[in-house]
Amino acid sequence: MKKDKNERSVDIKLIILDTFFMVSGIFLAAFGLESFLLPNKFIDGGATGISLLIAETAKVPLYLLIIMVNIPFIVLGYKVIGKLFALKTAIAILGLALVLVFVDFPEITKDKLLVSVFGGFFLGAGIGLSVRGGGVLDGTEVLAIYLSRKLGTTIGDIIILINILVFLGAAYLLSIETALYSMLTYLSASKTLDFVIEGIEEYTGVTIVSDESEEIRSMIIEKLGRGLTLYKAKGGYGRHGEHTEYDVIYTVITRLEIRRLNIEINKIDPKAFVVMSKINDTRGGMIKKRSIK
């Protein structure tokens, strides 16, 4: 009964926090697009960059392109990560499109350096907040995760390759100067995104110590579909050197799964001791070989 009450409390707080992050992310991203990038014909990387590039060359409304370009990524996100993630991503992208249609943001500056830096800053902050809310405004990372599992390359390599193609297209269709400023926009956006989501790398190693280790182990395997390592450990504490034996869980997840893992652990054992460490890449195991359902 106490656990059910705790889970309901966590769920309510989660919905409120998710909504705040998603709405804030949508408006920040829309502000970056309309007040900086669109008036000056600058683009970003990823799906947003593709949408901006087509909008500038084909004169198709940006709000429509943002939906159309991201539809394949939403479907892929459903297969790779899960239904809830795909649903939140679809809501976030649709919300961004609606804000672009109905909300007018003023143009802030025409200075190209300020446009590239601050346009990227607000766009990256918006995407980062949407990730913290459980979805994304740019589906490129979902594609990168999928291809990395299929091809055995790193997520970073895939993202770089996608953006190289986007900026080459910008150089050819717009101008080399625009492409160079757009690269600066992308760098600003990516660094801001990393800052907003606390500098999380592509993979994160997670060590969990809890009295409910068996239930957490089952949750990681069944709900997250991840492999893990379970090993015995002794812990010392107190002034007299008391020690206890317990099971320690170690697993590796992608940064898009960190939030979900924290939520599930908090439902099972809010007092669990969790340590996360950055990992640049992994080889083999459940990370690359997990089946795509």
C-alpha atoms as a PDB file:
ATOM      1  CA  MET A   1       0.000   0.000   0.000  1.00  0.00           C
ATOM      2  CA  LYS A   2       2.801   2.380   0.905  1.00  0.00           C
ATOM      3  CA  LYS A   3       4.655   1.490  -2.296  1.00  0.00           C
ATOM      4  CA  ASP A   4       1.527   2.131  -4.409  1.00  0.00           C
ATOM      5  CA  LYS A   5       1.102   5.547  -2.801  1.00  0.00           C
ATOM      6  CA  ASN A   6       4.760   6.331  -3.458  1.00  0.00           C
ATOM      7  CA  GLU A   7       4.400   5.303  -7.107  1.00  0.00           C
ATOM      8  CA  ARG A   8       1.325   7.522  -7.581  1.00  0.00           C
ATOM      9  CA  SER A   9       3.151  10.464  -6.036  1.00  0.00           C
ATOM     10  CA  VAL A  10       6.128   9.903  -8.337  1.00  0.00           C
ATOM     11  CA  ASP A  11       3.825   9.664 -11.376  1.00  0.00           C
ATOM     12  CA  ILE A  12       2.041  12.949 -10.593  1.00  0.00           C
ATOM     13  CA  LYS A  13       5.294  14.827 -10.038  1.00  0.00           C
ATOM     14  CA  LEU A  14       6.672  13.263 -13.207  1.00  0.00           C
ATOM     15  CA  ILE A  15       3.754  14.414 -15.353  1.00  0.00           C
ATOM     16  CA  ILE A  16       4.038  17.981 -14.032  1.00  0.00           C
ATOM     17  CA  LEU A  17       7.815  18.063 -14.525  1.00  0.00           C
ATOM     18  CA  ASP A  18       7.585  16.498 -17.984  1.00  0.00           C
ATOM     19  CA  THR A  19       5.002  19.047 -19.063  1.00  0.00           C
ATOM     20  CA  PHE A  20       7.133  21.934 -17.806  1.00  0.00           C
ATOM     21  CA  PHE A  21      10.248  20.686 -19.596  1.00  0.00           C
ATOM     22  CA  MET A  22       8.421  19.947 -22.837  1.00  0.00           C
ATOM     23  CA  VAL A  23       6.552  23.261 -23.014  1.00  0.00           C
ATOM     24  CA  SER A  24       9.694  25.241 -22.086  1.00  0.00           C
ATOM     25  CA  GLY A  25      11.711  23.320 -24.679  1.00  0.00           C
ATOM     26  CA  ILE A  26       9.148  23.935 -27.412  1.00  0.00           C
ATOM     27  CA  PHE A  27       9.028  27.703 -26.827  1.00  0.00           C
ATOM     28  CA  LEU A  28      12.811  28.071 -26.532  1.00  0.00           C
ATOM     29  CA  ALA A  29      13.368  26.131 -29.764  1.00  0.00           C
ATOM     30  CA  ALA A  30      10.684  28.152 -31.567  1.00  0.00           C
ATOM     31  CA  PHE A  31      12.250  31.381 -30.282  1.00  0.00           C
ATOM     32  CA  GLY A  32      15.666  30.339 -31.571  1.00  0.00           C
ATOM     33  CA  LEU A  33      14.223  29.465 -34.969  1.00  0.00           C
ATOM     34  CA  GLU A  34      11.990  32.492 -35.533  1.00  0.00           C
ATOM     35  CA  SER A  35      14.053  35.203 -33.836  1.00  0.00           C
ATOM     36  CA  PHE A  36      17.486  34.167 -35.101  1.00  0.00           C
ATOM     37  CA  LEU A  37      17.812  31.399 -37.699  1.00  0.00           C
ATOM     38  CA  LEU A  38      14.839  31.786 -40.053  1.00  0.00           C
ATOM     39  CA  PRO A  39      15.143  35.555 -40.750  1.00  0.00           C
ATOM     40  CA  ASN A  40      18.850  35.156 -41.544  1.00  0.00           C
ATOM     41  CA  LYS A  41      18.537  31.889 -43.524  1.00  0.00           C
ATOM     42  CA  PHE A  42      20.819  29.947 -41.175  1.00  0.00           C
ATOM     43  CA  ILE A  43      20.363  26.244 -40.528  1.00  0.00           C
ATOM     44  CA  ASP A  44      21.268  23.732 -37.847  1.00  0.00           C
ATOM     45  CA  GLY A  45      22.301  20.092 -38.037  1.00  0.00           C
ATOM     46  CA  GLY A  46      20.117  16.991 -37.916  1.00  0.00           C
ATOM     47  CA  ALA A  47      16.421  16.823 -38.739  1.00  0.00           C
ATOM     48  CA  THR A  48      15.936  20.491 -37.840  1.00  0.00           C
ATOM     49  CA  GLY A  49      18.710  21.455 -40.252  1.00  0.00           C
ATOM     50  CA  ILE A  50      17.150  19.366 -43.016  1.00  0.00           C
ATOM     51  CA  SER A  51      13.806  21.070 -42.406  1.00  0.00           C
ATOM     52  CA  LEU A  52      15.393  24.548 -42.473  1.00  0.00           C
ATOM     53  CA  LEU A  53      17.344  23.743 -45.641  1.00  0.00           C
ATOM     54  CA  ILE A  54      14.257  22.540 -47.507  1.00  0.00           C
ATOM     55  CA  ALA A  55      12.252  25.520 -46.214  1.00  0.00           C
ATOM     56  CA  GLU A  56      14.831  27.928 -47.643  1.00  0.00           C
ATOM     57  CA  THR A  57      15.165  26.225 -51.024  1.00  0.00           C
ATOM     58  CA  ALA A  58      11.658  24.878 -51.712  1.00  0.00           C
ATOM     59  CA  LYS A  59       9.658  27.611 -49.941  1.00  0.00           C
ATOM     60  CA  VAL A  60       7.676  25.033 -47.970  1.00  0.00           C
ATOM     61  CA  PRO A  61       6.444  26.204 -44.520  1.00  0.00           C
ATOM     62  CA  LEU A  62       8.849  25.188 -41.780  1.00  0.00           C
ATOM     63  CA  TYR A  63       6.131  23.953 -39.426  1.00  0.00           C
ATOM     64  CA  LEU A  64       4.978  21.451 -42.049  1.00  0.00           C
ATOM     65  CA  LEU A  65       8.509  20.258 -42.783  1.00  0.00           C
ATOM     66  CA  ILE A  66       9.326  19.755 -39.097  1.00  0.00           C
ATOM     67  CA  ILE A  67       6.415  17.315 -38.870  1.00  0.00           C
ATOM     68  CA  MET A  68       7.103  15.533 -42.163  1.00  0.00           C
ATOM     69  CA  VAL A  69      10.860  15.142 -41.685  1.00  0.00           C
ATOM     70  CA  ASN A  70      10.478  13.796 -38.145  1.00  0.00           C
ATOM     71  CA  ILE A  71       7.716  11.246 -38.848  1.00  0.00           C
ATOM     72  CA  PRO A  72      10.211   8.488 -39.830  1.00  0.00           C
ATOM     73  CA  PHE A  73      12.236   9.201 -36.670  1.00  0.00           C
ATOM     74  CA  ILE A  74       9.112   8.938 -34.505  1.00  0.00           C
ATOM     75  CA  VAL A  75       8.306   5.533 -36.008  1.00  0.00           C
ATOM     76  CA  LEU A  76      11.920   4.453 -35.507  1.00  0.00           C
ATOM     77  CA  GLY A  77      11.853   5.755 -31.925  1.00  0.00           C
ATOM     78  CA  TYR A  78       8.815   3.561 -31.255  1.00  0.00           C
ATOM     79  CA  LYS A  79      10.764   0.509 -32.398  1.00  0.00           C
ATOM     80  CA  VAL A  80      14.122   1.357 -30.837  1.00  0.00           C
ATOM     81  CA  ILE A  81      13.172   2.984 -27.512  1.00  0.00           C
ATOM     82  CA  GLY A  82       9.476   2.481 -26.830  1.00  0.00           C
ATOM     83  CA  LYS A  83       5.876   3.639 -27.226  1.00  0.00           C
ATOM     84  CA  LEU A  84       5.945   6.299 -24.498  1.00  0.00           C
ATOM     85  CA  PHE A  85       9.067   7.927 -25.938  1.00  0.00           C
ATOM     86  CA  ALA A  86       7.537   7.965 -29.440  1.00  0.00           C
ATOM     87  CA  LEU A  87       4.298   9.464 -28.101  1.00  0.00           C
ATOM     88  CA  LYS A  88       6.081  12.238 -26.196  1.00  0.00           C
ATOM     89  CA  THR A  89       8.293  12.961 -29.203  1.00  0.00           C
ATOM     90  CA  ALA A  90       5.253  13.222 -31.483  1.00  0.00           C
ATOM     91  CA  ILE A  91       3.546  15.603 -29.024  1.00  0.00           C
ATOM     92  CA  ALA A  92       6.708  17.737 -28.721  1.00  0.00           C
ATOM     93  CA  ILE A  93       7.202  18.009 -32.502  1.00  0.00           C
ATOM     94  CA  LEU A  94       3.522  18.783 -33.088  1.00  0.00           C
ATOM     95  CA  GLY A  95       3.679  21.379 -30.297  1.00  0.00           C
ATOM     96  CA  LEU A  96       6.703  23.026 -31.910  1.00  0.00           C
ATOM     97  CA  ALA A  97       4.911  23.168 -35.261  1.00  0.00           C
ATOM     98  CA  LEU A  98       1.839  24.769 -33.659  1.00  0.00           C
ATOM     99  CA  VAL A  99       3.933  27.381 -31.841  1.00  0.00           C
ATOM    100  CA  LEU A 100       5.673  28.262 -35.114  1.00  0.00           C
ATOM    101  CA  VAL A 101       2.265  28.777 -36.722  1.00  0.00           C
ATOM    102  CA  PHE A 102       0.453  30.725 -34.024  1.00  0.00           C
ATOM    103  CA  VAL A 103       3.176  32.562 -32.053  1.00  0.00           C
ATOM    104  CA  ASP A 104       5.144  35.413 -33.593  1.00  0.00           C
ATOM    105  CA  PHE A 105       8.614  36.033 -32.187  1.00  0.00           C
ATOM    106  CA  PRO A 106      10.447  39.265 -33.120  1.00  0.00           C
ATOM    107  CA  GLU A 107      13.730  39.228 -34.990  1.00  0.00           C
ATOM    108  CA  ILE A 108      16.442  40.039 -32.434  1.00  0.00           C
ATOM    109  CA  THR A 109      19.519  40.853 -34.518  1.00  0.00           C
ATOM    110  CA  LYS A 110      21.029  40.655 -37.975  1.00  0.00           C
ATOM    111  CA  ASP A 111      24.598  40.244 -36.734  1.00  0.00           C
ATOM    112  CA  LYS A 112      25.649  36.901 -38.235  1.00  0.00           C
ATOM    113  CA  LEU A 113      27.890  35.878 -35.365  1.00  0.00           C
ATOM    114  CA  LEU A 114      25.205  36.635 -32.759  1.00  0.00           C
ATOM    115  CA  VAL A 115      22.598  34.848 -34.868  1.00  0.00           C
ATOM    116  CA  SER A 116      24.686  31.685 -35.193  1.00  0.00           C
ATOM    117  CA  VAL A 117      25.727  31.563 -31.518  1.00  0.00           C
ATOM    118  CA  PHE A 118      22.449  32.532 -29.838  1.00  0.00           C
ATOM    119  CA  GLY A 119      20.224  30.849 -32.403  1.00  0.00           C
ATOM    120  CA  GLY A 120      22.086  27.631 -31.665  1.00  0.00           C
ATOM    121  CA  PHE A 121      21.970  28.319 -27.939  1.00  0.00           C
ATOM    122  CA  PHE A 122      18.176  28.657 -27.754  1.00  0.00           C
ATOM    123  CA  LEU A 123      17.583  25.785 -30.155  1.00  0.00           C
ATOM    124  CA  GLY A 124      19.941  23.512 -28.218  1.00  0.00           C
ATOM    125  CA  ALA A 125      18.361  24.509 -24.918  1.00  0.00           C
ATOM    126  CA  GLY A 126      14.921  23.709 -26.315  1.00  0.00           C
ATOM    127  CA  ILE A 127      15.985  20.281 -27.582  1.00  0.00           C
ATOM    128  CA  GLY A 128      17.770  19.561 -24.296  1.00  0.00           C
ATOM    129  CA  LEU A 129      14.726  20.418 -22.195  1.00  0.00           C
ATOM    130  CA  SER A 130      12.551  18.225 -24.400  1.00  0.00           C
ATOM    131  CA  VAL A 131      14.961  15.330 -23.784  1.00  0.00           C
ATOM    132  CA  ARG A 132      14.632  15.917 -20.044  1.00  0.00           C
ATOM    133  CA  GLY A 133      10.875  15.811 -20.544  1.00  0.00           C
ATOM    134  CA  GLY A 134      11.090  12.363 -22.101  1.00  0.00           C
ATOM    135  CA  GLY A 135      10.964  13.160 -25.815  1.00  0.00           C
ATOM    136  CA  VAL A 136      12.995  14.933 -28.487  1.00  0.00           C
ATOM    137  CA  LEU A 137      12.428  17.757 -30.957  1.00  0.00           C
ATOM    138  CA  ASP A 138      15.041  16.381 -33.365  1.00  0.00           C
ATOM    139  CA  GLY A 139      14.971  12.699 -34.264  1.00  0.00           C
ATOM    140  CA  THR A 140      18.542  12.410 -35.545  1.00  0.00           C
ATOM    141  CA  GLU A 141      19.826  10.744 -32.379  1.00  0.00           C
ATOM    142  CA  VAL A 142      17.199   8.010 -32.675  1.00  0.00           C
ATOM    143  CA  LEU A 143      18.461   7.220 -36.174  1.00  0.00           C
ATOM    144  CA  ALA A 144      22.045   7.307 -34.916  1.00  0.00           C
ATOM    145  CA  ILE A 145      21.276   4.814 -32.124  1.00  0.00           C
ATOM    146  CA  TYR A 146      19.547   2.497 -34.596  1.00  0.00           C
ATOM    147  CA  LEU A 147      22.356   2.619 -37.180  1.00  0.00           C
ATOM    148  CA  SER A 148      25.059   2.203 -34.533  1.00  0.00           C
ATOM    149  CA  ARG A 149      23.450  -1.075 -33.473  1.00  0.00           C
ATOM    150  CA  LYS A 150      23.102  -2.265 -37.055  1.00  0.00           C
ATOM    151  CA  LEU A 151      26.524  -1.150 -38.315  1.00  0.00           C
ATOM    152  CA  GLY A 152      28.593  -1.464 -35.132  1.00  0.00           C
ATOM    153  CA  THR A 153      29.786   2.156 -35.262  1.00  0.00           C
ATOM    154  CA  THR A 154      29.526   4.809 -32.558  1.00  0.00           C
ATOM    155  CA  ILE A 155      26.532   7.119 -32.247  1.00  0.00           C
ATOM    156  CA  GLY A 156      28.864  10.113 -32.530  1.00  0.00           C
ATOM    157  CA  ASP A 157      30.202   8.889 -35.884  1.00  0.00           C
ATOM    158  CA  ILE A 158      26.691   8.553 -37.304  1.00  0.00           C
ATOM    159  CA  ILE A 159      25.647  12.026 -36.128  1.00  0.00           C
ATOM    160  CA  ILE A 160      28.796  13.580 -37.614  1.00  0.00           C
ATOM    161  CA  LEU A 161      28.170  11.855 -40.954  1.00  0.00           C
ATOM    162  CA  ILE A 162      24.554  13.054 -41.078  1.00  0.00           C
ATOM    163  CA  ASN A 163      25.568  16.623 -40.308  1.00  0.00           C
ATOM    164  CA  ILE A 164      28.377  16.612 -42.861  1.00  0.00           C
ATOM    165  CA  LEU A 165      25.780  15.796 -45.522  1.00  0.00           C
ATOM    166  CA  VAL A 166      23.451  18.535 -44.225  1.00  0.00           C
ATOM    167  CA  PHE A 167      26.167  21.218 -44.274  1.00  0.00           C
ATOM    168  CA  LEU A 168      27.453  20.140 -47.685  1.00  0.00           C
ATOM    169  CA  GLY A 169      23.894  20.572 -48.928  1.00  0.00           C
ATOM    170  CA  ALA A 170      23.775  24.031 -47.355  1.00  0.00           C
ATOM    171  CA  ALA A 171      27.053  25.010 -49.018  1.00  0.00           C
ATOM    172  CA  TYR A 172      25.768  23.898 -52.421  1.00  0.00           C
ATOM    173  CA  LEU A 173      22.186  25.193 -52.212  1.00  0.00           C
ATOM    174  CA  LEU A 174      22.727  28.367 -50.170  1.00  0.00           C
ATOM    175  CA  SER A 175      26.341  29.526 -49.868  1.00  0.00           C
ATOM    176  CA  ILE A 176      29.629  28.469 -48.307  1.00  0.00           C
ATOM    177  CA  GLU A 177      29.444  31.391 -45.869  1.00  0.00           C
ATOM    178  CA  THR A 178      25.977  30.329 -44.739  1.00  0.00           C
ATOM    179  CA  ALA A 179      27.183  26.753 -44.312  1.00  0.00           C
ATOM    180  CA  LEU A 180      30.112  27.900 -42.158  1.00  0.00           C
ATOM    181  CA  TYR A 181      27.902  30.043 -39.933  1.00  0.00           C
ATOM    182  CA  SER A 182      25.442  27.149 -39.738  1.00  0.00           C
ATOM    183  CA  MET A 183      28.232  24.875 -38.513  1.00  0.00           C
ATOM    184  CA  LEU A 184      28.842  27.387 -35.749  1.00  0.00           C
ATOM    185  CA  THR A 185      25.117  27.297 -34.984  1.00  0.00           C
ATOM    186  CA  TYR A 186      25.258  23.519 -34.714  1.00  0.00           C
ATOM    187  CA  LEU A 187      28.272  23.622 -32.386  1.00  0.00           C
ATOM    188  CA  SER A 188      26.512  26.137 -30.144  1.00  0.00           C
ATOM    189  CA  ALA A 189      23.321  24.056 -30.126  1.00  0.00           C
ATOM    190  CA  SER A 190      25.092  20.761 -29.392  1.00  0.00           C
ATOM    191  CA  LYS A 191      27.131  22.199 -26.516  1.00  0.00           C
ATOM    192  CA  THR A 192      24.058  23.826 -25.018  1.00  0.00           C
ATOM    193  CA  LEU A 193      22.103  20.583 -25.354  1.00  0.00           C
ATOM    194  CA  ASP A 194      24.854  18.681 -23.529  1.00  0.00           C
ATOM    195  CA  PHE A 195      24.890  21.307 -20.788  1.00  0.00           C
ATOM    196  CA  VAL A 196      21.112  21.224 -20.318  1.00  0.00           C
ATOM    197  CA  ILE A 197      21.040  17.446 -19.930  1.00  0.00           C
ATOM    198  CA  GLU A 198      24.070  17.567 -17.625  1.00  0.00           C
ATOM    199  CA  GLY A 199      26.742  16.599 -20.073  1.00  0.00           C
ATOM    200  CA  ILE A 200      25.492  13.038 -20.539  1.00  0.00           C
ATOM    201  CA  GLU A 201      27.494  11.103 -23.142  1.00  0.00           C
ATOM    202  CA  GLU A 202      26.093   8.592 -25.631  1.00  0.00           C
ATOM    203  CA  TYR A 203      26.495   5.752 -23.117  1.00  0.00           C
ATOM    204  CA  THR A 204      26.349   5.866 -19.349  1.00  0.00           C
ATOM    205  CA  GLY A 205      27.539   3.206 -16.936  1.00  0.00           C
ATOM    206  CA  VAL A 206      25.207   2.842 -13.935  1.00  0.00           C
ATOM    207  CA  THR A 207      26.086   1.208 -10.593  1.00  0.00           C
ATOM    208  CA  ILE A 208      23.144   0.550  -8.274  1.00  0.00           C
ATOM    209  CA  VAL A 209      23.235  -0.478  -4.601  1.00  0.00           C
ATOM    210  CA  SER A 210      19.843  -1.230  -3.058  1.00  0.00           C
ATOM    211  CA  ASP A 211      18.105  -3.534  -0.607  1.00  0.00           C
ATOM    212  CA  GLU A 212      15.653  -4.181  -3.457  1.00  0.00           C
ATOM    213  CA  SER A 213      18.350  -5.312  -5.888  1.00  0.00           C
ATOM    214  CA  GLU A 214      16.369  -8.321  -7.129  1.00  0.00           C
ATOM    215  CA  GLU A 215      13.350  -6.206  -8.101  1.00  0.00           C
ATOM    216  CA  ILE A 216      15.594  -3.603  -9.743  1.00  0.00           C
ATOM    217  CA  ARG A 217      17.416  -6.382 -11.623  1.00  0.00           C
ATOM    218  CA  SER A 218      14.119  -7.686 -12.999  1.00  0.00           C
ATOM    219  CA  MET A 219      13.019  -4.167 -13.973  1.00  0.00           C
ATOM    220  CA  ILE A 220      16.208  -3.475 -15.949  1.00  0.00           C
ATOM    221  CA  ILE A 221      15.928  -6.765 -17.838  1.00  0.00           C
ATOM    222  CA  GLU A 222      12.179  -6.784 -18.427  1.00  0.00           C
ATOM    223  CA  LYS A 223      11.244  -3.092 -18.804  1.00  0.00           C
ATOM    224  CA  LEU A 224      14.435  -1.600 -20.234  1.00  0.00           C
ATOM    225  CA  GLY A 225      15.552  -4.698 -22.114  1.00  0.00           C
ATOM    226  CA  ARG A 226      19.138  -4.234 -20.928  1.00  0.00           C
ATOM    227  CA  GLY A 227      21.762  -6.686 -19.801  1.00  0.00           C
ATOM    228  CA  LEU A 228      23.516  -6.221 -16.481  1.00  0.00           C
ATOM    229  CA  THR A 229      26.217  -7.576 -14.200  1.00  0.00           C
ATOM    230  CA  LEU A 230      25.359  -8.629 -10.658  1.00  0.00           C
ATOM    231  CA  TYR A 231      28.166  -9.114  -8.154  1.00  0.00           C
ATOM    232  CA  LYS A 232      28.630  -9.496  -4.416  1.00  0.00           C
ATOM    233  CA  ALA A 233      30.163  -6.675  -2.404  1.00  0.00           C
ATOM    234  CA  LYS A 234      30.861  -5.621   1.176  1.00  0.00           C
ATOM    235  CA  GLY A 235      30.278  -2.121   2.445  1.00  0.00           C
ATOM    236  CA  GLY A 236      31.777  -0.443   5.465  1.00  0.00           C
ATOM    237  CA  TYR A 237      30.166   2.356   7.429  1.00  0.00           C
ATOM    238  CA  GLY A 238      29.921   3.877  10.884  1.00  0.00           C
ATOM    239  CA  ARG A 239      32.576   4.766  13.451  1.00  0.00           C
ATOM    240  CA  HIS A 240      33.101   1.150  14.476  1.00  0.00           C
ATOM    241  CA  GLY A 241      33.602  -0.198  10.947  1.00  0.00           C
ATOM    242  CA  GLU A 242      30.339  -2.084  10.613  1.00  0.00           C
ATOM    243  CA  HIS A 243      29.979  -3.832   7.287  1.00  0.00           C
ATOM    244  CA  THR A 244      27.239  -5.524   5.320  1.00  0.00           C
ATOM    245  CA  GLU A 245      27.091  -7.772   2.284  1.00  0.00           C
ATOM    246  CA  TYR A 246      24.876  -6.881  -0.644  1.00  0.00           C
ATOM    247  CA  ASP A 247      24.403  -7.311  -4.398  1.00  0.00           C
ATOM    248  CA  VAL A 248      25.660  -4.558  -6.692  1.00  0.00           C
ATOM    249  CA  ILE A 249      24.076  -4.051 -10.126  1.00  0.00           C
ATOM    250  CA  TYR A 250      26.033  -2.613 -13.043  1.00  0.00           C
ATOM    251  CA  THR A 251      24.472  -1.821 -16.422  1.00  0.00           C
ATOM    252  CA  VAL A 252      25.138   0.383 -19.463  1.00  0.00           C
ATOM    253  CA  ILE A 253      22.374   2.465 -21.053  1.00  0.00           C
ATOM    254  CA  THR A 254      21.998   5.258 -23.609  1.00  0.00           C
ATOM    255  CA  ARG A 255      21.378   8.802 -22.442  1.00  0.00           C
ATOM    256  CA  LEU A 256      17.794   8.716 -23.703  1.00  0.00           C
ATOM    257  CA  GLU A 257      17.108   5.936 -21.181  1.00  0.00           C
ATOM    258  CA  ILE A 258      18.654   7.577 -18.112  1.00  0.00           C
ATOM    259  CA  ARG A 259      15.530   9.378 -17.084  1.00  0.00           C
ATOM    260  CA  ARG A 260      13.343   6.298 -17.406  1.00  0.00           C
ATOM    261  CA  LEU A 261      15.798   4.252 -15.339  1.00  0.00           C
ATOM    262  CA  ASN A 262      15.790   6.873 -12.566  1.00  0.00           C
ATOM    263  CA  ILE A 263      12.001   6.895 -12.505  1.00  0.00           C
ATOM    264  CA  GLU A 264      11.729   3.117 -12.249  1.00  0.00           C
ATOM    265  CA  ILE A 265      14.391   2.920  -9.520  1.00  0.00           C
ATOM    266  CA  ASN A 266      12.654   5.674  -7.552  1.00  0.00           C
ATOM    267  CA  LYS A 267       9.400   3.717  -7.698  1.00  0.00           C
ATOM    268  CA  ILE A 268      11.081   0.587  -6.311  1.00  0.00           C
ATOM    269  CA  ASP A 269      13.543   2.093  -3.825  1.00  0.00           C
ATOM    270  CA  PRO A 270      13.797   5.905  -3.448  1.00  0.00           C
ATOM    271  CA  LYS A 271      16.807   5.412  -1.132  1.00  0.00           C
ATOM    272  CA  ALA A 272      18.826   3.364  -3.643  1.00  0.00           C
ATOM    273  CA  PHE A 273      22.449   4.460  -4.088  1.00  0.00           C
ATOM    274  CA  VAL A 274      23.047   5.139  -7.806  1.00  0.00           C
ATOM    275  CA  VAL A 275      26.349   6.139  -9.419  1.00  0.00           C
ATOM    276  CA  MET A 276      26.553   7.127 -13.092  1.00  0.00           C
ATOM    277  CA  SER A 277      29.726   7.477 -15.138  1.00  0.00           C
ATOM    278  CA  LYS A 278      30.287   8.681 -18.686  1.00  0.00           C
ATOM    279  CA  ILE A 279      31.293   6.152 -21.342  1.00  0.00           C
ATOM    280  CA  ASN A 280      32.419   7.241 -24.802  1.00  0.00           C
ATOM    281  CA  ASP A 281      31.663   3.937 -26.495  1.00  0.00           C
ATOM    282  CA  THR A 282      30.941   0.256 -25.902  1.00  0.00           C
ATOM    283  CA  ARG A 283      31.543  -2.958 -27.807  1.00  0.00           C
ATOM    284  CA  GLY A 284      29.232  -5.943 -27.947  1.00  0.00           C
ATOM    285  CA  GLY A 285      26.752  -6.938 -25.255  1.00  0.00           C
ATOM    286  CA  MET A 286      23.142  -5.824 -25.035  1.00  0.00           C
ATOM    287  CA  ILE A 287      23.875  -2.261 -26.130  1.00  0.00           C
ATOM    288  CA  LYS A 288      24.645  -3.164 -29.737  1.00  0.00           C
ATOM    289  CA  LYS A 289      22.950  -6.531 -30.005  1.00  0.00           C
ATOM    290  CA  ARG A 290      19.562  -5.864 -28.481  1.00  0.00           C
ATOM    291  CA  SER A 291      16.870  -6.887 -30.925  1.00  0.00           C
ATOM    292  CA  ILE A 292      14.738  -4.143 -32.433  1.00  0.00           C
ATOM    293  CA  LYS A 293      11.107  -4.953 -31.637  1.00  0.00           C
END
